[in-house]
Amino acid sequence: MKNQLQKFREYLDYIERHYDNVQKAWATINKECAHKNFRFLYDDFVWGLINENIKNHDLSKLSSQEFTQYRQFFFPAEGEVKNKELMNAAWSHHCDNNHHHWQNWTATQFADPYSAEIYLVENIVDWMAMGYEFGDTAKEYYEKMKGEINFPDWAIKLMYEIFDCVYQEK
């Protein structure tokens, strides 16, 4: 029982660090890209949507469809077995309920012209946050994984423009 409680705490700590890192990444994009004419920064409506989504980032990780499955897979207690089938179902639920994952926004036809751009920016924020945790950058992650990531050309162009702002030589 004690070990399982410890693993719950470790996983909750990880979720909290990721949330904090997402906030930090969004603040970094706002600061480092302020001199650029990006619609997601100058259009108050678009910026407000992204900002609200960032405040509620990955809320589904606390749901019954994801929490225990993720915790048992990434933070297993003594005697627990990693269940790939349950983890895959939790990951599918996560992607379906968090549009910032490229698997979601690249496969969906959005009714309004801003949505795909909004979700791309949130996708980059998420990758930046993961990089803070695991010691790389969103750009390095994309470069390593781009063979598996199916972005439209406009998204690749915008993403690299954001990377140029965020990872500029100082």
C-alpha atoms as a PDB file:
ATOM      1  CA  MET A   1       0.000   0.000   0.000  1.00  0.00           C
ATOM      2  CA  LYS A   2       2.784   2.474   0.944  1.00  0.00           C
ATOM      3  CA  ASN A   3       4.580   1.881  -2.346  1.00  0.00           C
ATOM      4  CA  GLN A   4       1.415   2.447  -4.345  1.00  0.00           C
ATOM      5  CA  LEU A   5       0.729   5.732  -2.515  1.00  0.00           C
ATOM      6  CA  GLN A   6       4.309   6.831  -3.234  1.00  0.00           C
ATOM      7  CA  LYS A   7       3.843   6.081  -6.934  1.00  0.00           C
ATOM      8  CA  PHE A   8       0.615   8.114  -6.980  1.00  0.00           C
ATOM      9  CA  ARG A   9       2.531  11.043  -5.454  1.00  0.00           C
ATOM     10  CA  GLU A  10       5.364  10.678  -7.975  1.00  0.00           C
ATOM     11  CA  TYR A  11       2.928  10.685 -10.873  1.00  0.00           C
ATOM     12  CA  LEU A  12       0.996  13.686  -9.506  1.00  0.00           C
ATOM     13  CA  ASP A  13       4.318  15.511  -9.063  1.00  0.00           C
ATOM     14  CA  TYR A  14       5.162  14.749 -12.697  1.00  0.00           C
ATOM     15  CA  ILE A  15       1.754  16.059 -13.872  1.00  0.00           C
ATOM     16  CA  GLU A  16       2.280  19.233 -11.841  1.00  0.00           C
ATOM     17  CA  ARG A  17       5.801  19.759 -13.249  1.00  0.00           C
ATOM     18  CA  HIS A  18       4.473  19.267 -16.777  1.00  0.00           C
ATOM     19  CA  TYR A  19       1.670  21.766 -16.163  1.00  0.00           C
ATOM     20  CA  ASP A  20       4.148  24.311 -14.783  1.00  0.00           C
ATOM     21  CA  ASN A  21       6.483  23.694 -17.735  1.00  0.00           C
ATOM     22  CA  VAL A  22       3.615  24.270 -20.173  1.00  0.00           C
ATOM     23  CA  GLN A  23       2.939  27.643 -18.536  1.00  0.00           C
ATOM     24  CA  LYS A  24       6.662  28.468 -18.744  1.00  0.00           C
ATOM     25  CA  ALA A  25       6.846  27.449 -22.422  1.00  0.00           C
ATOM     26  CA  TRP A  26       3.826  29.598 -23.328  1.00  0.00           C
ATOM     27  CA  ALA A  27       5.385  32.571 -21.514  1.00  0.00           C
ATOM     28  CA  THR A  28       8.647  31.961 -23.396  1.00  0.00           C
ATOM     29  CA  ILE A  29       6.905  31.952 -26.774  1.00  0.00           C
ATOM     30  CA  ASN A  30       5.073  35.146 -25.865  1.00  0.00           C
ATOM     31  CA  LYS A  31       8.311  36.853 -24.841  1.00  0.00           C
ATOM     32  CA  GLU A  32      10.698  35.543 -27.512  1.00  0.00           C
ATOM     33  CA  CYS A  33       8.266  35.890 -30.426  1.00  0.00           C
ATOM     34  CA  ALA A  34       6.798  39.272 -29.432  1.00  0.00           C
ATOM     35  CA  HIS A  35       8.738  41.055 -32.192  1.00  0.00           C
ATOM     36  CA  LYS A  36       7.226  38.817 -34.894  1.00  0.00           C
ATOM     37  CA  ASN A  37       3.918  39.376 -36.624  1.00  0.00           C
ATOM     38  CA  PHE A  38       2.359  36.040 -35.656  1.00  0.00           C
ATOM     39  CA  ARG A  39      -1.435  36.012 -35.777  1.00  0.00           C
ATOM     40  CA  PHE A  40      -1.593  33.889 -32.643  1.00  0.00           C
ATOM     41  CA  LEU A  41       0.103  36.725 -30.742  1.00  0.00           C
ATOM     42  CA  TYR A  42      -1.502  39.827 -32.246  1.00  0.00           C
ATOM     43  CA  ASP A  43      -5.075  38.524 -32.671  1.00  0.00           C
ATOM     44  CA  ASP A  44      -6.601  38.887 -29.195  1.00  0.00           C
ATOM     45  CA  PHE A  45      -9.257  36.259 -29.915  1.00  0.00           C
ATOM     46  CA  VAL A  46      -6.743  33.626 -31.043  1.00  0.00           C
ATOM     47  CA  TRP A  47      -4.307  34.479 -28.239  1.00  0.00           C
ATOM     48  CA  GLY A  48      -7.149  34.237 -25.712  1.00  0.00           C
ATOM     49  CA  LEU A  49      -8.173  30.797 -26.967  1.00  0.00           C
ATOM     50  CA  ILE A  50      -4.616  29.495 -26.732  1.00  0.00           C
ATOM     51  CA  ASN A  51      -4.134  31.071 -23.311  1.00  0.00           C
ATOM     52  CA  GLU A  52      -7.335  29.468 -21.995  1.00  0.00           C
ATOM     53  CA  ASN A  53      -6.341  26.081 -23.420  1.00  0.00           C
ATOM     54  CA  ILE A  54      -2.894  26.425 -21.838  1.00  0.00           C
ATOM     55  CA  LYS A  55      -4.523  27.087 -18.452  1.00  0.00           C
ATOM     56  CA  ASN A  56      -6.460  23.812 -18.837  1.00  0.00           C
ATOM     57  CA  HIS A  57      -3.637  21.834 -20.433  1.00  0.00           C
ATOM     58  CA  ASP A  58      -3.931  18.030 -20.194  1.00  0.00           C
ATOM     59  CA  LEU A  59      -6.826  18.140 -17.744  1.00  0.00           C
ATOM     60  CA  SER A  60      -7.874  14.699 -18.991  1.00  0.00           C
ATOM     61  CA  LYS A  61      -4.777  13.190 -17.333  1.00  0.00           C
ATOM     62  CA  LEU A  62      -6.782  13.341 -14.113  1.00  0.00           C
ATOM     63  CA  SER A  63      -9.726  11.437 -15.612  1.00  0.00           C
ATOM     64  CA  SER A  64     -10.652   7.840 -14.815  1.00  0.00           C
ATOM     65  CA  GLN A  65      -9.861   6.955 -18.448  1.00  0.00           C
ATOM     66  CA  GLU A  66      -6.228   8.063 -18.084  1.00  0.00           C
ATOM     67  CA  PHE A  67      -4.944   8.618 -14.559  1.00  0.00           C
ATOM     68  CA  THR A  68      -4.509   5.088 -13.245  1.00  0.00           C
ATOM     69  CA  GLN A  69      -3.537   3.694 -16.636  1.00  0.00           C
ATOM     70  CA  TYR A  70      -0.750   6.278 -17.081  1.00  0.00           C
ATOM     71  CA  ARG A  71       0.375   5.956 -13.464  1.00  0.00           C
ATOM     72  CA  GLN A  72       0.587   2.167 -13.622  1.00  0.00           C
ATOM     73  CA  PHE A  73       2.479   2.281 -16.921  1.00  0.00           C
ATOM     74  CA  PHE A  74       5.005   5.021 -16.112  1.00  0.00           C
ATOM     75  CA  PHE A  75       5.097   4.793 -12.287  1.00  0.00           C
ATOM     76  CA  PRO A  76       4.284   1.152 -11.481  1.00  0.00           C
ATOM     77  CA  ALA A  77       4.119   0.096  -7.852  1.00  0.00           C
ATOM     78  CA  GLU A  78       5.682  -3.125  -6.643  1.00  0.00           C
ATOM     79  CA  GLY A  79       3.920  -6.087  -8.237  1.00  0.00           C
ATOM     80  CA  GLU A  80       2.125  -4.041 -10.891  1.00  0.00           C
ATOM     81  CA  VAL A  81       2.571  -5.019 -14.510  1.00  0.00           C
ATOM     82  CA  LYS A  82       2.699  -2.443 -17.283  1.00  0.00           C
ATOM     83  CA  ASN A  83      -0.439  -3.057 -19.331  1.00  0.00           C
ATOM     84  CA  LYS A  84       0.215  -1.820 -22.870  1.00  0.00           C
ATOM     85  CA  GLU A  85      -3.414  -2.373 -23.938  1.00  0.00           C
ATOM     86  CA  LEU A  86      -4.779  -0.182 -21.124  1.00  0.00           C
ATOM     87  CA  MET A  87      -2.056   2.396 -21.800  1.00  0.00           C
ATOM     88  CA  ASN A  88      -2.926   2.495 -25.514  1.00  0.00           C
ATOM     89  CA  ALA A  89      -6.590   3.065 -24.666  1.00  0.00           C
ATOM     90  CA  ALA A  90      -5.617   5.855 -22.255  1.00  0.00           C
ATOM     91  CA  TRP A  91      -3.327   7.441 -24.887  1.00  0.00           C
ATOM     92  CA  SER A  92      -6.123   7.280 -27.461  1.00  0.00           C
ATOM     93  CA  HIS A  93      -8.491   8.954 -24.992  1.00  0.00           C
ATOM     94  CA  HIS A  94      -5.845  11.575 -24.264  1.00  0.00           C
ATOM     95  CA  CYS A  95      -5.288  12.431 -27.931  1.00  0.00           C
ATOM     96  CA  ASP A  96      -9.032  12.523 -28.622  1.00  0.00           C
ATOM     97  CA  ASN A  97      -9.583  14.946 -25.727  1.00  0.00           C
ATOM     98  CA  ASN A  98      -6.522  17.153 -26.175  1.00  0.00           C
ATOM     99  CA  HIS A  99      -6.493  18.720 -29.621  1.00  0.00           C
ATOM    100  CA  HIS A 100      -2.925  19.972 -29.236  1.00  0.00           C
ATOM    101  CA  HIS A 101      -1.599  16.518 -30.084  1.00  0.00           C
ATOM    102  CA  TRP A 102      -0.656  16.433 -33.752  1.00  0.00           C
ATOM    103  CA  GLN A 103      -2.389  13.071 -34.180  1.00  0.00           C
ATOM    104  CA  ASN A 104      -5.630  14.916 -33.491  1.00  0.00           C
ATOM    105  CA  TRP A 105      -5.369  18.301 -35.209  1.00  0.00           C
ATOM    106  CA  THR A 106      -3.729  17.027 -38.403  1.00  0.00           C
ATOM    107  CA  ALA A 107      -6.466  14.418 -38.893  1.00  0.00           C
ATOM    108  CA  THR A 108      -9.413  16.742 -38.248  1.00  0.00           C
ATOM    109  CA  GLN A 109     -11.108  19.172 -40.582  1.00  0.00           C
ATOM    110  CA  PHE A 110     -11.773  22.284 -38.546  1.00  0.00           C
ATOM    111  CA  ALA A 111     -14.712  24.571 -39.227  1.00  0.00           C
ATOM    112  CA  ASP A 112     -12.857  27.777 -38.400  1.00  0.00           C
ATOM    113  CA  PRO A 113      -9.543  28.886 -39.914  1.00  0.00           C
ATOM    114  CA  TYR A 114      -7.810  29.447 -36.581  1.00  0.00           C
ATOM    115  CA  SER A 115      -8.114  26.033 -34.961  1.00  0.00           C
ATOM    116  CA  ALA A 116      -5.267  24.204 -36.670  1.00  0.00           C
ATOM    117  CA  GLU A 117      -2.894  27.120 -35.994  1.00  0.00           C
ATOM    118  CA  ILE A 118      -4.032  27.274 -32.371  1.00  0.00           C
ATOM    119  CA  TYR A 119      -3.419  23.577 -31.883  1.00  0.00           C
ATOM    120  CA  LEU A 120      -0.036  23.707 -33.628  1.00  0.00           C
ATOM    121  CA  VAL A 121       1.114  26.424 -31.215  1.00  0.00           C
ATOM    122  CA  GLU A 122      -0.173  24.371 -28.274  1.00  0.00           C
ATOM    123  CA  ASN A 123       1.593  21.326 -29.722  1.00  0.00           C
ATOM    124  CA  ILE A 124       4.885  23.248 -29.751  1.00  0.00           C
ATOM    125  CA  VAL A 125       4.265  24.462 -26.187  1.00  0.00           C
ATOM    126  CA  ASP A 126       3.709  20.841 -25.104  1.00  0.00           C
ATOM    127  CA  TRP A 127       6.942  19.699 -26.774  1.00  0.00           C
ATOM    128  CA  MET A 128       8.854  22.579 -25.173  1.00  0.00           C
ATOM    129  CA  ALA A 129       7.472  21.569 -21.771  1.00  0.00           C
ATOM    130  CA  MET A 130       8.505  17.967 -22.334  1.00  0.00           C
ATOM    131  CA  GLY A 131      11.963  19.203 -23.303  1.00  0.00           C
ATOM    132  CA  TYR A 132      12.304  21.064 -20.005  1.00  0.00           C
ATOM    133  CA  GLU A 133      11.589  17.768 -18.233  1.00  0.00           C
ATOM    134  CA  PHE A 134      13.742  15.488 -20.380  1.00  0.00           C
ATOM    135  CA  GLY A 135      16.622  17.770 -21.374  1.00  0.00           C
ATOM    136  CA  ASP A 136      16.064  18.497 -25.056  1.00  0.00           C
ATOM    137  CA  THR A 137      14.241  21.107 -27.097  1.00  0.00           C
ATOM    138  CA  ALA A 138      11.025  20.990 -29.092  1.00  0.00           C
ATOM    139  CA  LYS A 139      13.129  21.496 -32.209  1.00  0.00           C
ATOM    140  CA  GLU A 140      15.421  18.577 -31.353  1.00  0.00           C
ATOM    141  CA  TYR A 141      12.398  16.401 -30.638  1.00  0.00           C
ATOM    142  CA  TYR A 142      10.787  17.282 -33.961  1.00  0.00           C
ATOM    143  CA  GLU A 143      14.043  16.716 -35.865  1.00  0.00           C
ATOM    144  CA  LYS A 144      14.377  13.269 -34.274  1.00  0.00           C
ATOM    145  CA  MET A 145      10.730  12.284 -34.828  1.00  0.00           C
ATOM    146  CA  LYS A 146       9.772  14.082 -38.067  1.00  0.00           C
ATOM    147  CA  GLY A 147       9.678  10.825 -40.020  1.00  0.00           C
ATOM    148  CA  GLU A 148       6.729   9.790 -37.852  1.00  0.00           C
ATOM    149  CA  ILE A 149       5.034  13.190 -37.587  1.00  0.00           C
ATOM    150  CA  ASN A 150       2.733  14.165 -40.434  1.00  0.00           C
ATOM    151  CA  PHE A 151       2.504  17.967 -40.482  1.00  0.00           C
ATOM    152  CA  PRO A 152       1.158  19.966 -43.413  1.00  0.00           C
ATOM    153  CA  ASP A 153       3.708  22.258 -45.088  1.00  0.00           C
ATOM    154  CA  TRP A 154       2.233  25.462 -43.611  1.00  0.00           C
ATOM    155  CA  ALA A 155       2.608  23.999 -40.105  1.00  0.00           C
ATOM    156  CA  ILE A 156       6.247  23.051 -40.637  1.00  0.00           C
ATOM    157  CA  LYS A 157       6.975  26.576 -41.873  1.00  0.00           C
ATOM    158  CA  LEU A 158       5.247  28.248 -38.909  1.00  0.00           C
ATOM    159  CA  MET A 159       6.799  25.811 -36.441  1.00  0.00           C
ATOM    160  CA  TYR A 160      10.331  26.617 -37.654  1.00  0.00           C
ATOM    161  CA  GLU A 161       9.580  30.348 -37.481  1.00  0.00           C
ATOM    162  CA  ILE A 162       8.590  29.851 -33.841  1.00  0.00           C
ATOM    163  CA  PHE A 163      11.689  27.718 -33.222  1.00  0.00           C
ATOM    164  CA  ASP A 164      13.827  30.495 -34.726  1.00  0.00           C
ATOM    165  CA  CYS A 165      12.422  32.938 -32.164  1.00  0.00           C
ATOM    166  CA  VAL A 166      12.601  30.642 -29.166  1.00  0.00           C
ATOM    167  CA  TYR A 167      15.976  29.033 -29.852  1.00  0.00           C
ATOM    168  CA  GLN A 168      17.782  32.050 -31.297  1.00  0.00           C
ATOM    169  CA  GLU A 169      21.471  32.359 -30.581  1.00  0.00           C
ATOM    170  CA  LYS A 170      22.062  34.853 -27.784  1.00  0.00           C
END
